[in-house]
Amino acid sequence: MSDFEPIRKLADVMDRYPHLWWVAGGWAIDLFVGRVTREHGDVEIGTFRSAQAALHAHLRETFELCKAVDGQWLAWPADETLVAPVFQIRAAGKRAPGGELQIFLDDVTRDVWTCRRHPAITLPFADVTAVGRGSLKLGHVRYLRPEIQLLFKAKHSHLAKNEDDFLITAPLLTAHAAAWLRRALREAHPGHDWIDRITESDP
């Protein structure tokens, strides 16, 4: 598989959005690797929580916008500011790849990113996203760095797709990224199986 067409469609949807956004989920792994490694059930992106008003304005004319609250999708009106723990948005409409776009709001304060699941885990925001390999072919689309994406996937590592993403990605991590992921896993998921399976390279 080598077709990044859903990401091309995504880039078209997000064109002229005035704030930084980045691909998340399994597609972020594929943009890092530089090829489509498996089928994807959805397209996910991240952006700043502080930019949510601009996000709503950018999408509302074309998409039905909902927020995830306690496992339910509820309408997200234009005058509502989403605060933690709410972080997930759904934009449904024909222009979205597969008819639906999942959006995650990330908290960044004074250029420091905070992990929404484990607030003790932070990073300079400059180290959170990247451009490379597959994304260079798509107009420099940014993606969530693979070590961070694997941290999120670790919660559900029993799922075959997440284990496959780990097997593909872990050998490609730089020594710095691998060391960060080990530390983050020890903080968030002590004793996790992936900790001792992470390998290091410098591609």
Protein backbone atom coordinates (compact mmCIF):
# COMPACT_ATOMS: atom_id res chain seq x y z
CA MET A 1 0.00 0.00 0.00
CA SER A 2 1.30 3.47 -0.82
CA ASP A 3 -1.71 5.77 -1.30
CA PHE A 4 -1.86 8.80 0.99
CA GLU A 5 -5.02 10.10 -0.72
CA PRO A 6 -6.98 10.47 2.58
CA ILE A 7 -4.22 12.76 3.85
CA ARG A 8 -4.32 14.78 0.64
CA LYS A 9 -8.06 15.24 1.19
CA LEU A 10 -7.39 16.18 4.80
CA ALA A 11 -4.87 18.82 3.74
CA ASP A 12 -7.49 20.28 1.42
CA VAL A 13 -10.04 20.42 4.25
CA MET A 14 -7.57 22.17 6.56
CA ASP A 15 -6.28 24.59 3.93
CA ARG A 16 -6.44 28.19 5.25
CA TYR A 17 -7.02 27.08 8.83
CA PRO A 18 -4.96 29.81 10.53
CA HIS A 19 -3.30 27.68 13.21
CA LEU A 20 -0.93 24.76 13.34
CA TRP A 21 -2.44 21.29 13.00
CA TRP A 22 -0.92 17.85 12.66
CA VAL A 23 -1.89 14.31 11.68
CA ALA A 24 -2.35 11.89 14.59
CA GLY A 25 -3.18 8.19 15.01
CA GLY A 26 -2.10 5.47 12.61
CA TRP A 27 -1.66 7.91 9.74
CA ALA A 28 0.98 9.74 11.79
CA ILE A 29 2.91 6.48 11.99
CA ASP A 30 2.67 6.04 8.23
CA LEU A 31 3.84 9.58 7.53
CA PHE A 32 6.86 8.90 9.73
CA VAL A 33 7.60 5.56 8.08
CA GLY A 34 7.04 6.99 4.60
CA ARG A 35 4.48 4.49 3.33
CA VAL A 36 0.99 3.25 4.09
CA THR A 37 1.52 0.20 6.29
CA ARG A 38 -2.08 -0.89 6.94
CA GLU A 39 -5.73 -0.05 6.48
CA HIS A 40 -7.02 2.86 8.57
CA GLY A 41 -10.51 3.15 9.97
CA ASP A 42 -10.40 6.91 10.44
CA VAL A 43 -8.37 10.09 10.02
CA GLU A 44 -7.27 11.92 13.17
CA ILE A 45 -5.59 15.28 13.69
CA GLY A 46 -4.45 17.42 16.59
CA THR A 47 -4.48 21.16 17.14
CA PHE A 48 -4.21 23.62 20.02
CA ARG A 49 -7.05 23.79 22.54
CA SER A 50 -6.52 27.55 22.56
CA ALA A 51 -7.36 27.66 18.82
CA GLN A 52 -10.72 25.90 19.12
CA ALA A 53 -12.81 28.98 18.23
CA ALA A 54 -10.90 29.32 14.95
CA LEU A 55 -11.28 25.59 14.36
CA HIS A 56 -15.05 25.79 14.83
CA ALA A 57 -15.27 28.76 12.47
CA HIS A 58 -13.16 26.94 9.86
CA LEU A 59 -15.26 23.77 9.87
CA ARG A 60 -18.81 24.68 10.81
CA GLU A 61 -20.03 25.73 7.37
CA THR A 62 -19.19 22.33 5.91
CA PHE A 63 -19.30 19.85 8.78
CA GLU A 64 -21.53 18.78 11.64
CA LEU A 65 -19.45 19.29 14.77
CA CYS A 66 -19.77 17.16 17.91
CA LYS A 67 -17.78 16.77 21.12
CA ALA A 68 -17.15 13.52 22.99
CA VAL A 69 -18.47 13.62 26.56
CA ASP A 70 -18.59 10.51 28.75
CA GLY A 71 -18.63 8.21 25.73
CA GLN A 72 -21.37 10.11 23.89
CA TRP A 73 -21.28 12.47 20.91
CA LEU A 74 -23.04 15.75 21.70
CA ALA A 75 -23.50 18.81 19.53
CA TRP A 76 -20.71 21.39 19.86
CA PRO A 77 -22.25 24.88 19.51
CA ALA A 78 -20.13 27.81 18.33
CA ASP A 79 -20.39 29.68 21.63
CA GLU A 80 -19.12 26.81 23.79
CA THR A 81 -15.49 26.64 24.91
CA LEU A 82 -14.35 23.07 25.49
CA VAL A 83 -12.34 22.59 28.67
CA ALA A 84 -10.55 19.52 30.02
CA PRO A 85 -11.30 16.69 30.32
CA VAL A 86 -13.16 17.15 27.01
CA PHE A 87 -10.66 16.96 24.18
CA GLN A 88 -12.16 15.02 21.24
CA ILE A 89 -14.22 16.49 18.39
CA ARG A 90 -15.91 14.85 15.41
CA ALA A 91 -16.42 16.70 12.13
CA ALA A 92 -18.85 14.77 9.91
CA GLY A 93 -19.45 15.67 6.30
CA LYS A 94 -18.85 14.62 2.71
CA ARG A 95 -15.59 16.54 2.33
CA ALA A 96 -13.90 14.62 5.15
CA PRO A 97 -11.89 11.52 4.21
CA GLY A 98 -14.29 8.63 4.82
CA GLY A 99 -16.98 11.13 5.78
CA GLU A 100 -15.60 11.87 9.22
CA LEU A 101 -12.64 13.62 10.84
CA GLN A 102 -11.55 13.09 14.44
CA ILE A 103 -9.85 16.07 16.10
CA PHE A 104 -7.92 16.10 19.38
CA LEU A 105 -7.35 19.32 21.33
CA ASP A 106 -3.88 19.47 22.85
CA ASP A 107 -2.89 21.73 25.73
CA VAL A 108 0.16 23.90 25.13
CA THR A 109 1.16 26.61 27.62
CA ARG A 110 4.12 28.90 27.00
CA ASP A 111 5.36 26.51 24.30
CA VAL A 112 5.20 23.47 26.62
CA TRP A 113 2.98 20.54 25.62
CA THR A 114 1.23 18.54 28.36
CA CYS A 115 0.12 14.94 27.78
CA ARG A 116 -3.65 14.89 28.26
CA ARG A 117 -3.63 11.42 29.84
CA HIS A 118 -0.59 11.92 32.07
CA PRO A 119 0.00 15.60 32.91
CA ALA A 120 3.38 14.82 34.49
CA ILE A 121 4.64 14.10 30.97
CA THR A 122 5.56 17.31 29.17
CA LEU A 123 7.68 18.36 26.20
CA PRO A 124 8.75 21.56 24.49
CA PHE A 125 6.14 21.90 21.76
CA ALA A 126 8.92 22.12 19.15
CA ASP A 127 9.58 18.43 19.90
CA VAL A 128 5.97 17.26 19.50
CA THR A 129 5.43 17.34 15.73
CA ALA A 130 7.62 16.74 12.70
CA VAL A 131 7.73 16.75 8.91
CA GLY A 132 9.49 14.03 6.98
CA ARG A 133 9.40 10.97 4.77
CA GLY A 134 5.82 10.59 3.52
CA SER A 135 4.69 14.05 4.61
CA LEU A 136 7.23 15.75 2.33
CA LYS A 137 5.24 14.43 -0.64
CA LEU A 138 2.06 16.04 0.68
CA GLY A 139 3.05 19.67 1.01
CA HIS A 140 4.95 19.29 4.28
CA VAL A 141 2.00 17.99 6.32
CA ARG A 142 3.01 17.77 9.96
CA TYR A 143 2.46 14.67 12.10
CA LEU A 144 2.65 13.76 15.77
CA ARG A 145 6.09 12.35 16.46
CA PRO A 146 6.06 8.53 16.57
CA GLU A 147 7.34 8.17 20.13
CA ILE A 148 4.40 10.28 21.36
CA GLN A 149 1.91 8.40 19.20
CA LEU A 150 3.20 5.09 20.56
CA LEU A 151 2.76 6.41 24.11
CA PHE A 152 -0.92 7.00 23.36
CA LYS A 153 -1.25 3.61 21.66
CA ALA A 154 0.32 1.80 24.62
CA LYS A 155 -2.94 1.99 26.59
CA HIS A 156 -4.50 -0.35 24.03
CA SER A 157 -1.43 -2.31 22.97
CA HIS A 158 -3.50 -5.51 23.06
CA LEU A 159 -5.12 -4.41 19.80
CA ALA A 160 -3.39 -5.92 16.79
CA LYS A 161 -3.15 -2.61 14.93
CA ASN A 162 -1.31 -0.96 17.82
CA GLU A 163 1.10 -3.85 18.25
CA ASP A 164 1.76 -3.76 14.50
CA ASP A 165 2.42 -0.01 14.67
CA PHE A 166 4.89 -0.63 17.48
CA LEU A 167 6.71 -3.38 15.58
CA ILE A 168 7.08 -1.17 12.52
CA THR A 169 8.01 2.03 14.32
CA ALA A 170 10.15 1.10 17.32
CA PRO A 171 13.19 -0.03 15.27
CA LEU A 172 13.17 3.33 13.44
CA LEU A 173 13.27 5.54 16.53
CA THR A 174 16.41 7.51 17.19
CA ALA A 175 18.23 6.81 20.44
CA HIS A 176 16.82 10.05 21.87
CA ALA A 177 13.23 9.21 20.88
CA ALA A 178 13.55 5.64 22.16
CA ALA A 179 14.90 6.83 25.51
CA TRP A 180 12.05 9.35 25.84
CA LEU A 181 9.46 6.68 25.09
CA ARG A 182 10.92 4.33 27.70
CA ARG A 183 10.78 7.08 30.34
CA ALA A 184 7.25 8.06 29.36
CA LEU A 185 6.04 4.46 29.44
CA ARG A 186 7.57 3.94 32.88
CA GLU A 187 5.70 7.04 34.07
CA ALA A 188 2.38 6.25 32.42
CA HIS A 189 2.35 2.44 32.22
CA PRO A 190 4.86 0.92 34.68
CA GLY A 191 5.87 -2.59 33.68
CA HIS A 192 4.51 -2.25 30.14
CA ASP A 193 5.69 -4.96 27.75
CA TRP A 194 7.00 -2.41 25.24
CA ILE A 195 9.55 -0.88 27.62
CA ASP A 196 12.11 -3.66 27.24
CA ARG A 197 11.31 -4.22 23.55
CA ILE A 198 12.22 -0.75 22.32
CA THR A 199 15.26 -0.78 20.05
CA GLU A 200 17.42 2.15 19.02
CA SER A 201 18.65 3.32 15.67
CA ASP A 202 19.50 6.59 14.00
CA PRO A 203 17.80 6.57 10.57
